[in-house]
Protein backbone atom coordinates (compact mmCIF):
# COMPACT_ATOMS: atom_id res chain seq x y z
CA MET A 1 -10.33 2.27 10.33
CA ALA A 2 -7.34 0.02 8.98
CA SER A 3 -4.87 1.63 7.01
CA SER A 4 -3.67 0.28 3.94
CA ASN A 5 -0.12 1.53 4.60
CA PRO A 6 1.69 -1.06 6.69
CA PHE A 7 4.41 1.34 7.90
CA ARG A 8 1.80 4.11 8.69
CA ASN A 9 2.49 5.72 12.51
CA ALA A 10 0.57 4.47 15.34
CA ASN A 11 -0.98 7.56 16.06
CA SER A 12 -1.11 9.72 13.16
CA ASP A 13 -4.70 10.95 12.07
CA SER A 14 -5.49 10.98 8.39
CA GLU A 15 -7.80 13.84 8.52
CA ASP A 16 -6.74 16.70 6.74
CA GLU A 17 -6.46 20.51 8.81
CA ASP A 18 -9.50 22.28 8.49
CA GLU A 19 -7.65 24.60 5.21
CA ASP A 20 -9.98 26.92 2.92
CA PRO A 21 -9.67 24.57 -0.44
CA THR A 22 -9.72 27.27 -2.78
CA LYS A 23 -6.41 28.23 -1.68
CA ALA A 24 -3.40 26.97 -4.13
CA PHE A 25 -1.17 26.08 -1.30
CA LYS A 26 -1.72 24.07 1.89
CA THR A 27 1.20 23.58 4.60
CA ILE A 28 2.35 20.03 5.37
CA TRP A 29 4.87 18.90 7.73
CA VAL A 30 7.43 16.11 8.93
CA GLY A 31 8.92 15.53 12.55
CA ILE A 32 12.64 14.93 12.44
CA ALA A 33 14.31 13.96 16.15
CA ASN A 34 17.38 14.61 16.88
CA SER A 35 19.25 12.22 19.38
CA THR A 36 22.91 12.95 18.40
CA SER A 37 25.14 15.41 20.39
CA GLN A 38 25.57 17.12 16.97
CA ASN A 39 23.93 20.16 15.33
CA LEU A 40 21.99 19.10 12.12
CA LYS A 41 20.49 20.85 9.52
CA VAL A 42 17.35 20.46 7.03
CA ALA A 43 16.02 20.92 3.82
CA THR A 44 12.66 20.09 2.94
CA TRP A 45 10.94 20.14 -0.40
CA THR A 46 7.66 18.73 -2.16
CA HIS A 47 6.97 19.30 -5.50
CA CYS A 48 4.20 21.51 -6.12
CA SER A 49 2.13 23.08 -9.62
CA VAL A 50 -0.96 25.43 -10.26
CA PRO A 51 -2.70 24.82 -13.28
CA ASP A 52 -1.52 27.43 -16.09
CA THR A 53 -6.08 27.33 -16.75
CA THR A 54 -8.53 26.85 -14.45
CA SER A 55 -12.37 26.93 -14.74
CA ASP A 56 -14.04 30.16 -14.11
CA PHE A 57 -17.92 30.91 -13.97
CA LYS A 58 -20.27 34.31 -14.06
CA LEU A 59 -22.95 34.23 -13.23
CA GLY A 60 -26.08 36.77 -12.81
CA ALA A 61 -29.76 37.42 -12.72
CA GLY A 62 -31.72 40.44 -12.98
CA LEU A 63 -35.44 41.47 -13.03
CA GLY A 64 -36.62 44.67 -14.94
CA VAL A 65 -39.73 46.37 -15.90
CA GLU A 66 -40.26 47.46 -19.39
CA LEU A 67 -41.60 50.66 -20.96
CA THR A 68 -45.18 48.63 -21.56
CA GLY A 69 -44.92 47.53 -18.32
CA ALA A 70 -44.40 43.69 -18.56
CA PRO A 71 -42.00 42.47 -15.76
CA ASN A 72 -38.49 41.76 -17.75
CA VAL A 73 -36.49 38.62 -16.27
CA HIS A 74 -33.12 38.71 -17.87
CA PHE A 75 -30.59 35.01 -17.27
CA GLU A 76 -26.83 35.03 -17.62
CA PHE A 77 -24.06 32.14 -17.48
CA GLU A 78 -20.50 32.65 -18.69
CA LYS A 79 -18.07 29.92 -18.41
CA LYS A 80 -14.43 30.82 -19.71
CA ALA A 81 -10.66 30.06 -18.78
CA ARG A 82 -8.95 32.11 -16.12
CA LYS A 83 -4.66 32.26 -16.73
CA LEU A 84 -3.06 31.54 -13.81
CA LYS A 85 0.58 31.71 -12.46
CA GLN A 86 2.68 28.32 -13.15
CA GLU A 87 4.83 27.37 -9.80
CA ASN A 88 7.73 24.87 -9.39
CA SER A 89 8.76 24.00 -6.56
CA GLY A 90 12.75 24.79 -7.51
CA GLY A 91 14.96 22.47 -5.57
CA PRO A 92 15.17 21.91 -1.43
CA SER A 93 14.29 24.98 1.06
CA GLU A 94 17.53 26.82 3.09
CA PRO A 95 18.29 24.58 5.45
CA GLU A 96 17.06 25.33 8.90
CA ASP A 97 18.76 24.12 11.92
CA LEU A 98 17.80 21.57 14.56
CA ALA A 99 20.12 21.65 17.38
CA ALA A 100 21.44 18.72 19.49
CA PHE A 101 18.87 16.49 21.10
CA ASP A 102 15.93 18.37 19.84
CA TRP A 103 12.75 17.84 17.65
CA GLY A 104 11.99 19.45 15.36
CA LYS A 105 8.79 20.19 12.87
CA PHE A 106 9.66 21.02 9.86
CA VAL A 107 6.71 22.67 7.10
CA VAL A 108 6.64 22.71 3.74
CA ASN A 109 4.16 24.55 1.68
CA SER A 110 2.34 21.88 -1.05
CA ASP A 111 -0.03 22.96 -4.00
CA THR A 112 -3.59 21.44 -3.83
CA HIS A 113 -4.10 21.01 -6.92
CA ASN A 114 -1.38 17.21 -6.82
CA ALA A 115 -1.78 17.49 -3.25
CA SER A 116 1.55 16.18 -2.91
CA LYS A 117 1.76 14.53 0.68
CA ILE A 118 5.33 13.14 0.28
CA ILE A 119 8.17 15.63 1.52
CA THR A 120 12.10 14.99 0.37
CA VAL A 121 14.04 16.03 3.64
CA TYR A 122 17.89 16.43 3.35
CA ILE A 123 19.76 16.04 6.53
CA MET A 124 23.20 17.33 7.25
CA LYS A 125 26.01 17.72 9.50
CA ALA A 126 26.41 21.20 10.37
CA ASN A 127 30.10 22.74 10.36
CA ALA A 128 31.43 25.27 11.69
CA THR A 129 32.36 26.44 8.53
CA ASP A 130 28.72 26.99 7.59
CA ASN A 131 29.28 24.20 4.93
CA ALA A 132 26.69 21.43 5.82
CA GLU A 133 27.73 17.54 4.48
CA ARG A 134 24.26 15.92 3.60
CA PHE A 135 24.44 12.50 5.31
CA TRP A 136 20.52 11.74 4.47
CA THR A 137 17.85 11.63 1.93
CA ILE A 138 14.59 10.93 2.76
CA ASN A 139 11.02 11.04 1.60
CA ILE A 140 8.51 10.96 4.46
CA GLU A 141 4.42 11.29 4.56
CA HIS A 142 2.83 14.62 5.47
CA LYS A 143 2.55 13.84 9.61
CA HIS A 144 5.18 11.30 9.42
CA GLY A 145 8.99 11.45 11.23
CA VAL A 146 12.09 10.07 11.63
CA ILE A 147 15.14 10.01 14.16
CA VAL A 148 18.54 10.65 13.68
CA PHE A 149 21.27 8.59 15.89
CA GLU A 150 24.69 7.56 16.44
CA GLN A 151 25.86 3.89 16.08
CA ASP A 152 29.22 3.29 15.58
CA GLY A 153 30.74 6.04 15.01
CA GLN A 154 27.86 6.40 11.82
CA MET A 155 25.28 8.80 11.70
CA LYS A 156 21.91 7.08 10.88
CA VAL A 157 18.34 7.66 10.55
CA VAL A 158 14.65 5.31 11.44
CA ARG A 159 11.02 5.76 10.85
CA ALA A 160 9.58 7.22 14.24
CA ASN A 161 6.33 5.77 16.24
CA GLY A 162 3.91 8.50 15.52
CA GLN A 163 4.32 12.67 15.71
CA TYR A 164 1.12 13.02 17.61
CA TRP A 165 2.30 12.30 21.41
CA ASP A 166 6.29 13.53 22.39
CA SER A 167 7.05 9.97 23.47
CA ASP A 168 6.35 8.42 20.04
CA ARG A 169 8.64 10.60 18.03
CA TRP A 170 11.27 9.40 19.95
CA LYS A 171 10.91 5.75 19.44
CA PRO A 172 11.78 3.44 16.06
CA HIS A 173 8.74 2.38 14.42
CA LYS A 174 7.77 -1.24 15.18
CA SER A 175 8.73 -2.80 12.10
CA TYR A 176 12.38 -2.36 13.02
CA LYS A 177 13.61 -5.60 14.63
CA ASP A 178 17.00 -4.49 15.36
CA PRO A 179 17.68 -5.96 18.86
CA SER A 180 20.48 -3.74 19.49
CA PHE A 181 17.88 -0.52 18.88
CA PRO A 182 16.39 0.93 22.78
CA LYS A 183 13.24 1.12 23.05
CA THR A 184 13.38 5.02 22.62
CA PHE A 185 16.07 7.35 21.54
CA ASP A 186 14.73 10.22 24.00
CA PRO A 187 18.14 12.07 25.75
CA ARG A 188 15.68 12.20 28.46
CA ARG A 189 15.41 8.67 29.40
CA LYS A 190 17.33 6.24 30.09
CA LYS A 191 18.53 3.89 26.83
CA LYS A 192 16.56 0.45 27.46
């Protein structure tokens, strides 16, 4: 099936995981490959909310016998509003560590009401003083990823070709035409 998104990963499957649709939250994730020699910190978040009220149904049926011996059939149907707790994302999660030359899967909760599949990612340099300096902010679609690399002394980020195959996590997306980019940023492979 052809995708309307020209920047879609080469092997991103569009099918949702088998999650219970009655749950208020579901997990979504992004992958980040760190091809630098520095440790990074990654904070993720997404907008999520639960409606203030939702429909609640009560259905009942009964069968009885009256004193005269005649059968009595009873049906009951009631529709009312059910109050729910309002939850909004307050900001990014606690930063997680991403070691040098490593790939990480960063999971965040999303709601089933708005069904947001966009994750905001803050990528930070980890310092010895435990203060992290943010150098990149990017919105990434669920099941997609980016590669962090160093070029001319600067940290840069590009979209990854895919997340399903290990090799695609380290390859830049096909839309990048920079001739100075290697075919892969995988630290195990020789850069060509």
